Amino acid sequence: MNNILTQIGIENYIFLSVTLFCIGIFGVLYRRNAIIVFMSIEIMLNAVNLLFVAFSTYHQDAQGQVFVFFSMAVAAAEVAVGLAILVSIFRNIGSISIDNLKNLKG
């Protein structure tokens, strides 16, 4: 079985995915810019997708890769809607800082 996982090892994929997920969590928790928060959420989603593909290849089953395909389609729609909302907020307020967005309540 000449597979990429035998050359690199699944442990490295798990380590990379956990590292990316932690970077994403750090960005969501400690940054105040809404665009950085969206980018951090995307990093977390890509970390999970990387694990799905790695384990799908490890178990020689395509279900994980199909799930990643649909997950990326939903993520693209989420980014489009999120950025449209941010552009609308920026036009009204003039800032996309999360601290300023707290004042948008009813």
N, C-alpha and C. Protein backbone atom coordinates (compact mmCIF):
# COMPACT_ATOMS: atom_id res chain seq x y z
N MET A 1 0.85 -1.17 0.00
CA MET A 1 0.00 0.00 0.00
C MET A 1 0.91 1.25 0.00
N ASN A 2 1.07 1.83 -1.15
CA ASN A 2 1.90 3.03 -1.28
C ASN A 2 0.97 4.23 -1.17
N ASN A 3 0.69 4.63 0.03
CA ASN A 3 -0.26 5.69 0.32
C ASN A 3 0.50 6.86 0.92
N ILE A 4 -0.04 8.04 0.75
CA ILE A 4 0.61 9.22 1.32
C ILE A 4 0.62 9.16 2.84
N LEU A 5 -0.37 8.49 3.43
CA LEU A 5 -0.40 8.39 4.89
C LEU A 5 0.70 7.48 5.43
N THR A 6 1.14 6.51 4.62
CA THR A 6 2.24 5.67 5.10
C THR A 6 3.56 6.44 5.06
N GLN A 7 3.67 7.41 4.17
CA GLN A 7 4.91 8.19 4.10
C GLN A 7 4.95 9.29 5.16
N ILE A 8 3.83 9.96 5.37
CA ILE A 8 3.80 11.09 6.30
C ILE A 8 3.30 10.66 7.68
N GLY A 9 2.31 9.85 7.73
CA GLY A 9 1.74 9.39 9.00
C GLY A 9 0.54 10.23 9.40
N ILE A 10 -0.47 9.55 9.91
CA ILE A 10 -1.70 10.25 10.28
C ILE A 10 -1.51 11.13 11.50
N GLU A 11 -0.50 10.83 12.31
CA GLU A 11 -0.24 11.65 13.50
C GLU A 11 0.11 13.08 13.12
N ASN A 12 0.83 13.24 12.03
CA ASN A 12 1.20 14.59 11.58
C ASN A 12 -0.01 15.37 11.11
N TYR A 13 -0.95 14.69 10.45
CA TYR A 13 -2.18 15.35 10.04
C TYR A 13 -3.00 15.77 11.25
N ILE A 14 -3.04 14.91 12.25
CA ILE A 14 -3.78 15.25 13.47
C ILE A 14 -3.12 16.43 14.17
N PHE A 15 -1.80 16.42 14.26
CA PHE A 15 -1.08 17.53 14.89
C PHE A 15 -1.32 18.84 14.14
N LEU A 16 -1.24 18.82 12.82
CA LEU A 16 -1.48 20.02 12.02
C LEU A 16 -2.90 20.52 12.19
N SER A 17 -3.85 19.60 12.20
CA SER A 17 -5.25 19.99 12.36
C SER A 17 -5.51 20.60 13.73
N VAL A 18 -4.96 20.01 14.77
CA VAL A 18 -5.14 20.56 16.12
C VAL A 18 -4.48 21.93 16.23
N THR A 19 -3.32 22.08 15.61
CA THR A 19 -2.63 23.38 15.64
C THR A 19 -3.46 24.44 14.93
N LEU A 20 -3.98 24.13 13.75
CA LEU A 20 -4.82 25.08 13.03
C LEU A 20 -6.08 25.42 13.81
N PHE A 21 -6.69 24.42 14.43
CA PHE A 21 -7.90 24.66 15.21
C PHE A 21 -7.61 25.57 16.40
N CYS A 22 -6.47 25.37 17.07
CA CYS A 22 -6.10 26.22 18.20
C CYS A 22 -5.82 27.65 17.75
N ILE A 23 -5.19 27.81 16.59
CA ILE A 23 -4.97 29.15 16.06
C ILE A 23 -6.31 29.83 15.78
N GLY A 24 -7.26 29.08 15.24
CA GLY A 24 -8.59 29.62 15.00
C GLY A 24 -9.30 30.02 16.28
N ILE A 25 -9.21 29.18 17.30
CA ILE A 25 -9.84 29.51 18.59
C ILE A 25 -9.21 30.76 19.18
N PHE A 26 -7.88 30.86 19.09
CA PHE A 26 -7.19 32.06 19.58
C PHE A 26 -7.69 33.31 18.86
N GLY A 27 -7.85 33.21 17.55
CA GLY A 27 -8.33 34.35 16.78
C GLY A 27 -9.75 34.76 17.13
N VAL A 28 -10.61 33.77 17.38
CA VAL A 28 -12.00 34.09 17.74
C VAL A 28 -12.08 34.72 19.13
N LEU A 29 -11.29 34.20 20.05
CA LEU A 29 -11.41 34.67 21.44
C LEU A 29 -10.70 36.00 21.70
N TYR A 30 -9.60 36.27 21.02
CA TYR A 30 -8.78 37.42 21.39
C TYR A 30 -8.77 38.56 20.39
N ARG A 31 -9.36 38.43 19.24
CA ARG A 31 -9.35 39.51 18.27
C ARG A 31 -10.67 40.26 18.31
N ARG A 32 -10.62 41.54 18.01
CA ARG A 32 -11.81 42.39 18.07
C ARG A 32 -12.31 42.80 16.68
N ASN A 33 -11.61 42.43 15.63
CA ASN A 33 -12.02 42.77 14.28
C ASN A 33 -12.89 41.65 13.73
N ALA A 34 -14.05 42.00 13.18
CA ALA A 34 -15.00 40.98 12.73
C ALA A 34 -14.45 40.18 11.55
N ILE A 35 -13.67 40.79 10.69
CA ILE A 35 -13.10 40.05 9.56
C ILE A 35 -12.09 39.02 10.05
N ILE A 36 -11.29 39.38 11.04
CA ILE A 36 -10.34 38.42 11.62
C ILE A 36 -11.09 37.27 12.29
N VAL A 37 -12.20 37.57 12.93
CA VAL A 37 -13.01 36.52 13.56
C VAL A 37 -13.55 35.57 12.50
N PHE A 38 -14.05 36.11 11.38
CA PHE A 38 -14.53 35.25 10.30
C PHE A 38 -13.40 34.40 9.73
N MET A 39 -12.22 34.99 9.57
CA MET A 39 -11.09 34.22 9.07
C MET A 39 -10.69 33.12 10.05
N SER A 40 -10.78 33.39 11.32
CA SER A 40 -10.46 32.39 12.33
C SER A 40 -11.45 31.24 12.31
N ILE A 41 -12.71 31.56 12.11
CA ILE A 41 -13.73 30.51 12.00
C ILE A 41 -13.46 29.65 10.78
N GLU A 42 -13.05 30.26 9.69
CA GLU A 42 -12.72 29.50 8.48
C GLU A 42 -11.50 28.61 8.71
N ILE A 43 -10.52 29.09 9.46
CA ILE A 43 -9.36 28.25 9.77
C ILE A 43 -9.79 27.04 10.58
N MET A 44 -10.69 27.25 11.55
CA MET A 44 -11.19 26.13 12.35
C MET A 44 -11.95 25.13 11.48
N LEU A 45 -12.76 25.63 10.56
CA LEU A 45 -13.51 24.75 9.67
C LEU A 45 -12.56 23.97 8.76
N ASN A 46 -11.52 24.62 8.26
CA ASN A 46 -10.55 23.92 7.42
C ASN A 46 -9.75 22.88 8.20
N ALA A 47 -9.51 23.13 9.47
CA ALA A 47 -8.83 22.13 10.30
C ALA A 47 -9.67 20.87 10.44
N VAL A 48 -10.96 21.06 10.64
CA VAL A 48 -11.86 19.90 10.74
C VAL A 48 -11.95 19.19 9.40
N ASN A 49 -12.00 19.95 8.30
CA ASN A 49 -12.04 19.33 6.98
C ASN A 49 -10.78 18.53 6.70
N LEU A 50 -9.63 19.04 7.15
CA LEU A 50 -8.37 18.31 6.98
C LEU A 50 -8.44 16.96 7.71
N LEU A 51 -8.99 16.96 8.90
CA LEU A 51 -9.12 15.70 9.63
C LEU A 51 -10.08 14.73 8.93
N PHE A 52 -11.18 15.27 8.41
CA PHE A 52 -12.12 14.41 7.67
C PHE A 52 -11.42 13.74 6.48
N VAL A 53 -10.65 14.51 5.74
CA VAL A 53 -9.98 13.95 4.56
C VAL A 53 -8.90 12.96 4.98
N ALA A 54 -8.16 13.27 6.04
CA ALA A 54 -7.10 12.37 6.49
C ALA A 54 -7.67 11.04 6.97
N PHE A 55 -8.72 11.09 7.77
CA PHE A 55 -9.30 9.84 8.25
C PHE A 55 -10.05 9.10 7.15
N SER A 56 -10.61 9.84 6.21
CA SER A 56 -11.25 9.20 5.07
C SER A 56 -10.23 8.43 4.23
N THR A 57 -9.07 9.03 4.04
CA THR A 57 -8.00 8.35 3.30
C THR A 57 -7.45 7.19 4.12
N TYR A 58 -7.33 7.36 5.41
CA TYR A 58 -6.81 6.31 6.28
C TYR A 58 -7.71 5.07 6.27
N HIS A 59 -9.02 5.29 6.29
CA HIS A 59 -9.97 4.17 6.29
C HIS A 59 -10.39 3.76 4.89
N GLN A 60 -9.83 4.41 3.87
CA GLN A 60 -10.12 4.12 2.47
C GLN A 60 -11.63 4.15 2.20
N ASP A 61 -12.25 5.22 2.66
CA ASP A 61 -13.67 5.43 2.49
C ASP A 61 -13.88 6.87 2.02
N ALA A 62 -14.70 7.06 1.02
CA ALA A 62 -14.86 8.39 0.42
C ALA A 62 -15.93 9.24 1.10
N GLN A 63 -16.59 8.73 2.12
CA GLN A 63 -17.67 9.48 2.76
C GLN A 63 -17.16 10.77 3.40
N GLY A 64 -15.99 10.73 4.01
CA GLY A 64 -15.44 11.93 4.63
C GLY A 64 -15.11 12.99 3.60
N GLN A 65 -14.62 12.58 2.45
CA GLN A 65 -14.29 13.55 1.41
C GLN A 65 -15.55 14.16 0.80
N VAL A 66 -16.60 13.38 0.68
CA VAL A 66 -17.88 13.91 0.19
C VAL A 66 -18.44 14.91 1.20
N PHE A 67 -18.32 14.60 2.48
CA PHE A 67 -18.78 15.52 3.51
C PHE A 67 -18.00 16.83 3.47
N VAL A 68 -16.70 16.75 3.22
CA VAL A 68 -15.87 17.95 3.11
C VAL A 68 -16.30 18.79 1.92
N PHE A 69 -16.66 18.15 0.82
CA PHE A 69 -17.11 18.89 -0.36
C PHE A 69 -18.35 19.72 -0.02
N PHE A 70 -19.33 19.12 0.64
CA PHE A 70 -20.53 19.86 1.01
C PHE A 70 -20.24 20.90 2.10
N SER A 71 -19.34 20.58 2.99
CA SER A 71 -18.96 21.53 4.04
C SER A 71 -18.31 22.76 3.44
N MET A 72 -17.48 22.58 2.43
CA MET A 72 -16.83 23.74 1.79
C MET A 72 -17.84 24.57 1.01
N ALA A 73 -18.86 23.93 0.45
CA ALA A 73 -19.90 24.69 -0.24
C ALA A 73 -20.69 25.55 0.74
N VAL A 74 -21.01 24.98 1.90
CA VAL A 74 -21.72 25.74 2.93
C VAL A 74 -20.83 26.86 3.47
N ALA A 75 -19.53 26.59 3.62
CA ALA A 75 -18.61 27.62 4.11
C ALA A 75 -18.51 28.78 3.12
N ALA A 76 -18.52 28.49 1.84
CA ALA A 76 -18.47 29.56 0.85
C ALA A 76 -19.72 30.43 0.93
N ALA A 77 -20.87 29.81 1.11
CA ALA A 77 -22.10 30.58 1.27
C ALA A 77 -22.07 31.40 2.55
N GLU A 78 -21.53 30.83 3.61
CA GLU A 78 -21.44 31.54 4.89
C GLU A 78 -20.54 32.76 4.78
N VAL A 79 -19.44 32.63 4.06
CA VAL A 79 -18.53 33.75 3.87
C VAL A 79 -19.20 34.85 3.06
N ALA A 80 -19.91 34.48 2.03
CA ALA A 80 -20.59 35.48 1.20
C ALA A 80 -21.63 36.26 2.00
N VAL A 81 -22.43 35.56 2.77
CA VAL A 81 -23.45 36.22 3.59
C VAL A 81 -22.80 37.04 4.70
N GLY A 82 -21.79 36.49 5.35
CA GLY A 82 -21.12 37.21 6.43
C GLY A 82 -20.45 38.48 5.96
N LEU A 83 -19.79 38.42 4.83
CA LEU A 83 -19.15 39.63 4.31
C LEU A 83 -20.17 40.66 3.84
N ALA A 84 -21.29 40.20 3.29
CA ALA A 84 -22.34 41.15 2.90
C ALA A 84 -22.90 41.86 4.13
N ILE A 85 -23.08 41.13 5.22
CA ILE A 85 -23.56 41.75 6.46
C ILE A 85 -22.52 42.74 6.99
N LEU A 86 -21.25 42.37 6.95
CA LEU A 86 -20.20 43.27 7.43
C LEU A 86 -20.10 44.54 6.59
N VAL A 87 -20.26 44.42 5.29
CA VAL A 87 -20.23 45.60 4.43
C VAL A 87 -21.40 46.52 4.76
N SER A 88 -22.58 45.93 5.00
CA SER A 88 -23.75 46.73 5.37
C SER A 88 -23.54 47.43 6.71
N ILE A 89 -22.97 46.73 7.67
CA ILE A 89 -22.71 47.33 8.98
C ILE A 89 -21.66 48.43 8.86
N PHE A 90 -20.63 48.20 8.04
CA PHE A 90 -19.59 49.22 7.87
C PHE A 90 -20.16 50.49 7.23
N ARG A 91 -21.08 50.33 6.31
CA ARG A 91 -21.70 51.51 5.68
C ARG A 91 -22.53 52.32 6.68
N ASN A 92 -23.17 51.63 7.62
CA ASN A 92 -24.03 52.32 8.59
C ASN A 92 -23.25 52.89 9.76
N ILE A 93 -22.28 52.15 10.27
CA ILE A 93 -21.58 52.55 11.49
C ILE A 93 -20.22 53.18 11.18
N GLY A 94 -19.54 52.68 10.16
CA GLY A 94 -18.21 53.16 9.84
C GLY A 94 -17.10 52.37 10.50
N SER A 95 -17.46 51.26 11.15
CA SER A 95 -16.47 50.42 11.82
C SER A 95 -17.01 48.99 11.86
N ILE A 96 -16.08 48.03 11.88
CA ILE A 96 -16.50 46.63 12.02
C ILE A 96 -15.89 46.01 13.27
N SER A 97 -15.53 46.84 14.21
CA SER A 97 -15.01 46.35 15.49
C SER A 97 -16.14 45.68 16.26
N ILE A 98 -15.85 44.57 16.88
CA ILE A 98 -16.87 43.82 17.62
C ILE A 98 -17.37 44.63 18.81
N ASP A 99 -16.50 45.45 19.39
CA ASP A 99 -16.93 46.29 20.51
C ASP A 99 -18.02 47.27 20.08
N ASN A 100 -17.94 47.78 18.86
CA ASN A 100 -18.97 48.69 18.36
C ASN A 100 -20.24 47.96 17.94
N LEU A 101 -20.12 46.70 17.63
CA LEU A 101 -21.29 45.93 17.18
C LEU A 101 -22.21 45.56 18.34
N LYS A 102 -21.74 45.69 19.56
CA LYS A 102 -22.58 45.38 20.72
C LYS A 102 -23.72 46.37 20.86
N ASN A 103 -23.58 47.54 20.27
CA ASN A 103 -24.63 48.58 20.36
C ASN A 103 -25.75 48.39 19.36
N LEU A 104 -25.74 47.33 18.57
CA LEU A 104 -26.75 47.11 17.54
C LEU A 104 -28.00 46.42 18.07
N LYS A 105 -28.06 46.14 19.36
CA LYS A 105 -29.24 45.47 19.93
C LYS A 105 -30.45 46.38 19.77
N GLY A 106 -31.59 45.70 19.49
CA GLY A 106 -32.90 46.31 19.32
C GLY A 106 -33.00 47.69 19.67
